Amino acid sequence: MTKIGRAMERMPLEPHGARMLVEARKYGPRVRRQLAAALAVQEVGGIRMRNKDGYPEGWRSLVDSRAISEMVVDANLLATCHDMSDADMRHSDIFVKNVHQANKVYRRLLNSEK
């Protein structure tokens, strides 16, 4: 097995996500942390509430929703939720349970890098 394969094997992710996180090492800790946050949100199925018409708007005031991708929006939103109460997250149309799960996945991803 290659060095990259061994690094990927330690990560609790699907292979494509694990490969992205391994490759992100080249770009420094900030990029790696942001990617880990985005992948953690994906792993739990998202943190923004959806309804039949799409996403409710409550979360939009918390982050710049014009970011270059949905993954960046999700990573930034997860970081913003860190300082919010559960009630504030619910009021902002954010799945509280998924935020807590995403934070656990995020910590596991960062620890798998060590």
N, C-alpha and C. Protein backbone atom coordinates (compact mmCIF):
# COMPACT_ATOMS: atom_id res chain seq x y z
N MET A 1 0.85 -1.17 0.00
CA MET A 1 0.00 0.00 0.00
C MET A 1 0.91 1.25 0.00
N THR A 2 0.46 2.28 -0.67
CA THR A 2 1.24 3.51 -0.75
C THR A 2 1.11 4.33 0.54
N LYS A 3 1.97 5.32 0.67
CA LYS A 3 1.92 6.22 1.83
C LYS A 3 0.57 6.96 1.86
N ILE A 4 0.10 7.38 0.70
CA ILE A 4 -1.19 8.07 0.62
C ILE A 4 -2.31 7.11 1.02
N GLY A 5 -2.26 5.88 0.55
CA GLY A 5 -3.27 4.89 0.89
C GLY A 5 -3.33 4.62 2.39
N ARG A 6 -2.15 4.53 3.02
CA ARG A 6 -2.13 4.32 4.48
C ARG A 6 -2.73 5.51 5.22
N ALA A 7 -2.44 6.71 4.76
CA ALA A 7 -3.01 7.91 5.39
C ALA A 7 -4.53 7.94 5.22
N MET A 8 -4.99 7.57 4.03
CA MET A 8 -6.43 7.55 3.75
C MET A 8 -7.14 6.51 4.61
N GLU A 9 -6.49 5.39 4.82
CA GLU A 9 -7.08 4.29 5.58
C GLU A 9 -7.41 4.69 7.02
N ARG A 10 -6.66 5.62 7.58
CA ARG A 10 -6.89 6.06 8.97
C ARG A 10 -8.08 7.01 9.10
N MET A 11 -8.60 7.48 8.00
CA MET A 11 -9.67 8.50 8.05
C MET A 11 -11.05 7.86 7.97
N PRO A 12 -11.97 8.34 8.81
CA PRO A 12 -13.33 7.79 8.81
C PRO A 12 -14.19 8.41 7.70
N LEU A 13 -13.72 8.26 6.45
CA LEU A 13 -14.40 8.88 5.31
C LEU A 13 -14.42 7.92 4.14
N GLU A 14 -15.31 8.23 3.20
CA GLU A 14 -15.28 7.54 1.92
C GLU A 14 -13.95 7.87 1.24
N PRO A 15 -13.48 7.01 0.32
CA PRO A 15 -12.16 7.23 -0.29
C PRO A 15 -11.95 8.60 -0.94
N HIS A 16 -12.96 9.13 -1.63
CA HIS A 16 -12.74 10.43 -2.30
C HIS A 16 -12.53 11.55 -1.29
N GLY A 17 -13.26 11.53 -0.19
CA GLY A 17 -13.09 12.54 0.85
C GLY A 17 -11.76 12.39 1.55
N ALA A 18 -11.38 11.14 1.83
CA ALA A 18 -10.10 10.89 2.48
C ALA A 18 -8.94 11.36 1.60
N ARG A 19 -9.04 11.12 0.31
CA ARG A 19 -7.98 11.56 -0.61
C ARG A 19 -7.89 13.09 -0.64
N MET A 20 -9.04 13.75 -0.66
CA MET A 20 -9.01 15.22 -0.64
C MET A 20 -8.32 15.72 0.62
N LEU A 21 -8.62 15.11 1.75
CA LEU A 21 -8.04 15.57 3.01
C LEU A 21 -6.53 15.30 3.06
N VAL A 22 -6.11 14.18 2.53
CA VAL A 22 -4.67 13.89 2.46
C VAL A 22 -3.98 14.92 1.57
N GLU A 23 -4.55 15.19 0.42
CA GLU A 23 -3.95 16.16 -0.51
C GLU A 23 -3.97 17.57 0.05
N ALA A 24 -4.93 17.88 0.92
CA ALA A 24 -5.03 19.22 1.50
C ALA A 24 -3.83 19.56 2.38
N ARG A 25 -3.08 18.56 2.80
CA ARG A 25 -1.87 18.81 3.60
C ARG A 25 -0.91 19.75 2.87
N LYS A 26 -0.92 19.69 1.57
CA LYS A 26 -0.02 20.52 0.76
C LYS A 26 -0.32 22.01 0.91
N TYR A 27 -1.53 22.33 1.33
CA TYR A 27 -1.98 23.72 1.33
C TYR A 27 -2.05 24.34 2.72
N GLY A 28 -1.60 23.61 3.71
CA GLY A 28 -1.52 24.17 5.05
C GLY A 28 -2.69 23.83 5.95
N PRO A 29 -2.53 24.15 7.24
CA PRO A 29 -3.55 23.76 8.23
C PRO A 29 -4.89 24.46 8.05
N ARG A 30 -4.90 25.69 7.59
CA ARG A 30 -6.18 26.41 7.43
C ARG A 30 -7.05 25.72 6.39
N VAL A 31 -6.48 25.38 5.26
CA VAL A 31 -7.23 24.70 4.20
C VAL A 31 -7.68 23.33 4.68
N ARG A 32 -6.78 22.62 5.36
CA ARG A 32 -7.12 21.29 5.86
C ARG A 32 -8.27 21.34 6.86
N ARG A 33 -8.27 22.34 7.75
CA ARG A 33 -9.36 22.47 8.72
C ARG A 33 -10.68 22.80 8.03
N GLN A 34 -10.64 23.70 7.04
CA GLN A 34 -11.87 24.07 6.35
C GLN A 34 -12.43 22.88 5.57
N LEU A 35 -11.56 22.14 4.92
CA LEU A 35 -12.01 20.96 4.18
C LEU A 35 -12.55 19.90 5.14
N ALA A 36 -11.89 19.70 6.28
CA ALA A 36 -12.38 18.73 7.27
C ALA A 36 -13.77 19.12 7.75
N ALA A 37 -14.00 20.40 7.97
CA ALA A 37 -15.33 20.87 8.40
C ALA A 37 -16.37 20.58 7.32
N ALA A 38 -16.05 20.89 6.08
CA ALA A 38 -17.00 20.65 4.98
C ALA A 38 -17.30 19.16 4.84
N LEU A 39 -16.28 18.34 4.91
CA LEU A 39 -16.48 16.89 4.80
C LEU A 39 -17.27 16.34 5.98
N ALA A 40 -17.05 16.89 7.16
CA ALA A 40 -17.82 16.46 8.34
C ALA A 40 -19.30 16.77 8.17
N VAL A 41 -19.60 17.94 7.64
CA VAL A 41 -21.00 18.31 7.39
C VAL A 41 -21.62 17.35 6.36
N GLN A 42 -20.87 17.03 5.32
CA GLN A 42 -21.37 16.09 4.32
C GLN A 42 -21.62 14.71 4.93
N GLU A 43 -20.72 14.27 5.78
CA GLU A 43 -20.84 12.95 6.41
C GLU A 43 -22.13 12.79 7.21
N VAL A 44 -22.61 13.89 7.81
CA VAL A 44 -23.83 13.80 8.63
C VAL A 44 -25.08 14.18 7.84
N GLY A 45 -24.93 14.44 6.57
CA GLY A 45 -26.10 14.73 5.73
C GLY A 45 -26.49 16.20 5.71
N GLY A 46 -25.61 17.07 6.15
CA GLY A 46 -25.89 18.51 6.11
C GLY A 46 -26.35 19.03 7.46
N ILE A 47 -26.25 20.35 7.61
CA ILE A 47 -26.70 20.97 8.86
C ILE A 47 -27.78 22.02 8.62
N ARG A 48 -28.01 22.37 7.37
CA ARG A 48 -29.06 23.36 7.07
C ARG A 48 -30.38 22.62 6.86
N MET A 49 -31.44 23.13 7.52
CA MET A 49 -32.76 22.52 7.35
C MET A 49 -33.24 22.72 5.93
N ARG A 50 -33.97 21.73 5.45
CA ARG A 50 -34.56 21.81 4.11
C ARG A 50 -36.06 21.63 4.25
N ASN A 51 -36.77 22.24 3.33
CA ASN A 51 -38.19 21.96 3.23
C ASN A 51 -38.48 21.63 1.78
N LYS A 52 -39.73 21.46 1.42
CA LYS A 52 -40.05 21.05 0.04
C LYS A 52 -39.62 22.08 -0.99
N ASP A 53 -39.43 23.32 -0.57
CA ASP A 53 -39.03 24.38 -1.51
C ASP A 53 -37.53 24.65 -1.49
N GLY A 54 -36.76 23.88 -0.73
CA GLY A 54 -35.32 24.12 -0.62
C GLY A 54 -34.95 24.44 0.81
N TYR A 55 -34.01 25.34 0.96
CA TYR A 55 -33.52 25.71 2.29
C TYR A 55 -34.29 26.90 2.84
N PRO A 56 -34.76 26.83 4.10
CA PRO A 56 -35.27 28.04 4.74
C PRO A 56 -34.12 29.05 4.85
N GLU A 57 -34.45 30.28 5.07
CA GLU A 57 -33.46 31.35 4.96
C GLU A 57 -32.77 31.74 6.26
N GLY A 58 -33.15 31.19 7.40
CA GLY A 58 -32.63 31.65 8.67
C GLY A 58 -31.12 31.67 8.79
N TRP A 59 -30.44 30.69 8.23
CA TRP A 59 -28.99 30.57 8.34
C TRP A 59 -28.24 31.59 7.50
N ARG A 60 -28.87 32.16 6.48
CA ARG A 60 -28.16 33.04 5.53
C ARG A 60 -27.52 34.25 6.19
N SER A 61 -28.11 34.76 7.26
CA SER A 61 -27.54 35.94 7.91
C SER A 61 -26.28 35.61 8.70
N LEU A 62 -25.98 34.33 8.88
CA LEU A 62 -24.83 33.92 9.68
C LEU A 62 -23.53 33.81 8.90
N VAL A 63 -23.63 33.57 7.59
CA VAL A 63 -22.44 33.37 6.76
C VAL A 63 -22.64 34.06 5.42
N ASP A 64 -21.56 34.24 4.72
CA ASP A 64 -21.62 34.79 3.36
C ASP A 64 -22.07 33.67 2.43
N SER A 65 -23.31 33.69 2.04
CA SER A 65 -23.86 32.60 1.21
C SER A 65 -23.45 32.74 -0.25
N ARG A 66 -22.65 33.74 -0.57
CA ARG A 66 -22.14 33.88 -1.94
C ARG A 66 -20.79 33.21 -2.11
N ALA A 67 -20.42 32.38 -1.14
CA ALA A 67 -19.14 31.69 -1.18
C ALA A 67 -19.02 30.88 -2.46
N ILE A 68 -17.81 30.48 -2.77
CA ILE A 68 -17.56 29.83 -4.05
C ILE A 68 -18.21 28.46 -4.19
N SER A 69 -18.60 27.85 -3.09
CA SER A 69 -19.26 26.55 -3.20
C SER A 69 -20.13 26.29 -1.97
N GLU A 70 -21.03 25.34 -2.12
CA GLU A 70 -21.87 24.92 -1.01
C GLU A 70 -21.02 24.33 0.13
N MET A 71 -19.93 23.66 -0.24
CA MET A 71 -19.05 23.08 0.78
C MET A 71 -18.44 24.17 1.65
N VAL A 72 -18.05 25.27 1.04
CA VAL A 72 -17.46 26.38 1.80
C VAL A 72 -18.52 27.00 2.71
N VAL A 73 -19.72 27.16 2.20
CA VAL A 73 -20.83 27.68 3.02
C VAL A 73 -21.03 26.77 4.23
N ASP A 74 -21.06 25.45 4.00
CA ASP A 74 -21.27 24.50 5.10
C ASP A 74 -20.14 24.56 6.12
N ALA A 75 -18.90 24.63 5.65
CA ALA A 75 -17.75 24.71 6.57
C ALA A 75 -17.83 25.98 7.41
N ASN A 76 -18.13 27.10 6.78
CA ASN A 76 -18.22 28.37 7.49
C ASN A 76 -19.39 28.37 8.48
N LEU A 77 -20.49 27.76 8.08
CA LEU A 77 -21.65 27.70 8.96
C LEU A 77 -21.36 26.83 10.19
N LEU A 78 -20.68 25.71 9.98
CA LEU A 78 -20.31 24.86 11.12
C LEU A 78 -19.43 25.63 12.09
N ALA A 79 -18.49 26.39 11.59
CA ALA A 79 -17.63 27.20 12.46
C ALA A 79 -18.44 28.24 13.22
N THR A 80 -19.40 28.86 12.56
CA THR A 80 -20.25 29.86 13.20
C THR A 80 -21.09 29.24 14.31
N CYS A 81 -21.56 28.03 14.10
CA CYS A 81 -22.41 27.36 15.09
C CYS A 81 -21.68 27.06 16.38
N HIS A 82 -20.37 27.04 16.34
CA HIS A 82 -19.57 26.72 17.52
C HIS A 82 -19.93 27.59 18.72
N ASP A 83 -20.24 28.85 18.48
CA ASP A 83 -20.54 29.79 19.56
C ASP A 83 -22.03 30.04 19.76
N MET A 84 -22.88 29.21 19.16
CA MET A 84 -24.32 29.41 19.25
C MET A 84 -24.96 28.41 20.21
N SER A 85 -26.03 28.83 20.84
CA SER A 85 -26.82 27.90 21.66
C SER A 85 -27.67 27.03 20.74
N ASP A 86 -28.14 25.92 21.28
CA ASP A 86 -29.02 25.06 20.50
C ASP A 86 -30.27 25.81 20.06
N ALA A 87 -30.82 26.63 20.94
CA ALA A 87 -32.03 27.39 20.60
C ALA A 87 -31.76 28.37 19.46
N ASP A 88 -30.60 29.03 19.49
CA ASP A 88 -30.26 29.96 18.42
C ASP A 88 -30.08 29.24 17.09
N MET A 89 -29.49 28.04 17.15
CA MET A 89 -29.33 27.27 15.91
C MET A 89 -30.69 26.89 15.34
N ARG A 90 -31.59 26.40 16.18
CA ARG A 90 -32.93 26.05 15.70
C ARG A 90 -33.62 27.26 15.09
N HIS A 91 -33.50 28.40 15.76
CA HIS A 91 -34.11 29.64 15.26
C HIS A 91 -33.53 30.04 13.90
N SER A 92 -32.30 29.63 13.65
CA SER A 92 -31.62 29.96 12.39
C SER A 92 -31.76 28.85 11.35
N ASP A 93 -32.70 27.95 11.56
CA ASP A 93 -32.97 26.86 10.60
C ASP A 93 -31.78 25.93 10.42
N ILE A 94 -31.14 25.59 11.53
CA ILE A 94 -29.99 24.69 11.52
C ILE A 94 -30.33 23.45 12.33
N PHE A 95 -29.97 22.27 11.81
CA PHE A 95 -30.20 21.02 12.52
C PHE A 95 -29.19 20.89 13.65
N VAL A 96 -29.66 21.03 14.87
CA VAL A 96 -28.78 21.00 16.04
C VAL A 96 -28.09 19.64 16.17
N LYS A 97 -28.85 18.58 16.05
CA LYS A 97 -28.29 17.22 16.19
C LYS A 97 -27.17 17.01 15.18
N ASN A 98 -27.38 17.44 13.94
CA ASN A 98 -26.36 17.25 12.91
C ASN A 98 -25.12 18.11 13.17
N VAL A 99 -25.31 19.29 13.76
CA VAL A 99 -24.15 20.12 14.10
C VAL A 99 -23.29 19.40 15.13
N HIS A 100 -23.92 18.84 16.15
CA HIS A 100 -23.15 18.13 17.18
C HIS A 100 -22.45 16.91 16.59
N GLN A 101 -23.14 16.19 15.70
CA GLN A 101 -22.52 15.03 15.05
C GLN A 101 -21.38 15.47 14.14
N ALA A 102 -21.57 16.54 13.39
CA ALA A 102 -20.53 17.04 12.49
C ALA A 102 -19.30 17.48 13.28
N ASN A 103 -19.50 18.08 14.43
CA ASN A 103 -18.36 18.47 15.26
C ASN A 103 -17.57 17.25 15.73
N LYS A 104 -18.25 16.16 16.05
CA LYS A 104 -17.55 14.93 16.44
C LYS A 104 -16.74 14.38 15.27
N VAL A 105 -17.36 14.35 14.09
CA VAL A 105 -16.66 13.86 12.90
C VAL A 105 -15.46 14.76 12.61
N TYR A 106 -15.64 16.06 12.71
CA TYR A 106 -14.56 17.03 12.47
C TYR A 106 -13.37 16.74 13.39
N ARG A 107 -13.64 16.56 14.67
CA ARG A 107 -12.56 16.27 15.62
C ARG A 107 -11.85 14.94 15.28
N ARG A 108 -12.65 13.93 14.88
CA ARG A 108 -12.04 12.64 14.50
C ARG A 108 -11.15 12.81 13.27
N LEU A 109 -11.62 13.63 12.31
CA LEU A 109 -10.81 13.84 11.10
C LEU A 109 -9.49 14.53 11.43
N LEU A 110 -9.56 15.55 12.27
CA LEU A 110 -8.33 16.24 12.63
C LEU A 110 -7.40 15.32 13.43
N ASN A 111 -7.96 14.49 14.29
CA ASN A 111 -7.13 13.56 15.07
C ASN A 111 -6.56 12.45 14.19
N SER A 112 -7.24 12.09 13.12
CA SER A 112 -6.73 11.03 12.23
C SER A 112 -5.52 11.51 11.45
N GLU A 113 -5.31 12.80 11.42
CA GLU A 113 -4.17 13.39 10.71
C GLU A 113 -2.88 13.28 11.51
N LYS A 114 -2.99 13.01 12.79
CA LYS A 114 -1.79 13.00 13.65
C LYS A 114 -1.02 11.71 13.53
